[in-house]
Amino acid sequence: YDDNDRKRVQINAKAKHIIICAINSNDFNRISSCIFAKEMWDRLEVTYEGTNQVKEAKVSMLVHEYEM
């Protein structure tokens, strides 16, 4: 490892710790197998916000409701 790699590992560990401290046990079970904080974040994002298709459908539905 060089200094850059050590810094990345430390940042990843810090981000993982922050995410783990902020979630409940059910969410922890969903993301506990992730190695990187980005993977954890992406899984939580899909869980709570849905995929891009779901987001687009929600926006379309809300726009339609607004126009009515």
C-alpha atoms as a PDB file:
ATOM      1  CA  TYR A   1       0.000   0.000   0.000  1.00  0.00           C
ATOM      2  CA  ASP A   2       1.099   3.520  -0.686  1.00  0.00           C
ATOM      3  CA  ASP A   3      -0.203   6.643   1.057  1.00  0.00           C
ATOM      4  CA  ASN A   4      -3.015   7.090  -1.448  1.00  0.00           C
ATOM      5  CA  ASP A   5      -4.295   3.528  -0.881  1.00  0.00           C
ATOM      6  CA  ARG A   6      -4.182   3.951   2.898  1.00  0.00           C
ATOM      7  CA  LYS A   7      -6.158   7.168   2.620  1.00  0.00           C
ATOM      8  CA  ARG A   8      -8.821   5.465   0.465  1.00  0.00           C
ATOM      9  CA  VAL A   9      -9.123   2.581   2.929  1.00  0.00           C
ATOM     10  CA  GLN A  10      -9.514   5.011   5.829  1.00  0.00           C
ATOM     11  CA  ILE A  11     -12.154   7.065   4.006  1.00  0.00           C
ATOM     12  CA  ASN A  12     -14.078   3.918   3.067  1.00  0.00           C
ATOM     13  CA  ALA A  13     -13.973   2.650   6.659  1.00  0.00           C
ATOM     14  CA  LYS A  14     -15.153   6.010   7.980  1.00  0.00           C
ATOM     15  CA  ALA A  15     -18.022   6.163   5.471  1.00  0.00           C
ATOM     16  CA  LYS A  16     -19.062   2.575   6.254  1.00  0.00           C
ATOM     17  CA  HIS A  17     -19.064   3.380   9.969  1.00  0.00           C
ATOM     18  CA  ILE A  18     -21.254   6.443   9.442  1.00  0.00           C
ATOM     19  CA  ILE A  19     -23.742   4.481   7.335  1.00  0.00           C
ATOM     20  CA  ILE A  20     -23.897   1.589   9.801  1.00  0.00           C
ATOM     21  CA  CYS A  21     -24.468   3.947  12.734  1.00  0.00           C
ATOM     22  CA  ALA A  22     -27.356   5.618  10.914  1.00  0.00           C
ATOM     23  CA  ILE A  23     -29.436   2.552  10.005  1.00  0.00           C
ATOM     24  CA  ASN A  24     -31.604   0.034  11.810  1.00  0.00           C
ATOM     25  CA  SER A  25     -31.003  -3.712  12.084  1.00  0.00           C
ATOM     26  CA  ASN A  26     -33.192  -4.603   9.084  1.00  0.00           C
ATOM     27  CA  ASP A  27     -31.212  -2.300   6.832  1.00  0.00           C
ATOM     28  CA  PHE A  28     -27.968  -3.586   8.303  1.00  0.00           C
ATOM     29  CA  ASN A  29     -28.927  -7.106   7.238  1.00  0.00           C
ATOM     30  CA  ARG A  30     -29.427  -5.835   3.678  1.00  0.00           C
ATOM     31  CA  ILE A  31     -26.030  -4.174   3.411  1.00  0.00           C
ATOM     32  CA  SER A  32     -23.823  -6.215   5.735  1.00  0.00           C
ATOM     33  CA  SER A  33     -22.284  -8.176   2.867  1.00  0.00           C
ATOM     34  CA  CYS A  34     -21.064  -5.021   1.076  1.00  0.00           C
ATOM     35  CA  ILE A  35     -17.340  -4.324   1.045  1.00  0.00           C
ATOM     36  CA  PHE A  36     -17.418  -0.687  -0.010  1.00  0.00           C
ATOM     37  CA  ALA A  37     -19.428   2.220   1.355  1.00  0.00           C
ATOM     38  CA  LYS A  38     -20.585   3.058  -2.180  1.00  0.00           C
ATOM     39  CA  GLU A  39     -22.145  -0.409  -2.492  1.00  0.00           C
ATOM     40  CA  MET A  40     -23.942   0.122   0.814  1.00  0.00           C
ATOM     41  CA  TRP A  41     -25.224   3.501  -0.294  1.00  0.00           C
ATOM     42  CA  ASP A  42     -26.421   2.164  -3.651  1.00  0.00           C
ATOM     43  CA  ARG A  43     -28.360  -0.688  -2.020  1.00  0.00           C
ATOM     44  CA  LEU A  44     -30.007   1.666   0.448  1.00  0.00           C
ATOM     45  CA  GLU A  45     -30.844   4.084  -2.352  1.00  0.00           C
ATOM     46  CA  VAL A  46     -32.569   1.375  -4.396  1.00  0.00           C
ATOM     47  CA  THR A  47     -34.378   0.151  -1.270  1.00  0.00           C
ATOM     48  CA  TYR A  48     -35.814   3.528  -0.351  1.00  0.00           C
ATOM     49  CA  GLU A  49     -36.010   5.433  -3.626  1.00  0.00           C
ATOM     50  CA  GLY A  50     -36.333   2.635  -6.165  1.00  0.00           C
ATOM     51  CA  THR A  51     -34.610   2.190  -9.479  1.00  0.00           C
ATOM     52  CA  ASN A  52     -34.505   4.871 -12.159  1.00  0.00           C
ATOM     53  CA  GLN A  53     -37.612   3.378 -13.771  1.00  0.00           C
ATOM     54  CA  VAL A  54     -39.520   3.625 -10.490  1.00  0.00           C
ATOM     55  CA  LYS A  55     -38.380   7.223 -10.002  1.00  0.00           C
ATOM     56  CA  GLU A  56     -39.502   8.160 -13.509  1.00  0.00           C
ATOM     57  CA  ALA A  57     -42.875   6.505 -12.973  1.00  0.00           C
ATOM     58  CA  LYS A  58     -43.374   8.400  -9.697  1.00  0.00           C
ATOM     59  CA  VAL A  59     -42.490  11.717 -11.338  1.00  0.00           C
ATOM     60  CA  SER A  60     -44.788  10.995 -14.255  1.00  0.00           C
ATOM     61  CA  MET A  61     -47.642  10.103 -11.900  1.00  0.00           C
ATOM     62  CA  LEU A  62     -47.141  13.263  -9.825  1.00  0.00           C
ATOM     63  CA  VAL A  63     -47.004  15.464 -12.925  1.00  0.00           C
ATOM     64  CA  HIS A  64     -50.197  13.844 -14.190  1.00  0.00           C
ATOM     65  CA  GLU A  65     -51.908  14.427 -10.817  1.00  0.00           C
ATOM     66  CA  TYR A  66     -50.764  18.039 -10.815  1.00  0.00           C
ATOM     67  CA  GLU A  67     -52.088  18.633 -14.311  1.00  0.00           C
ATOM     68  CA  MET A  68     -55.479  17.199 -13.362  1.00  0.00           C
END
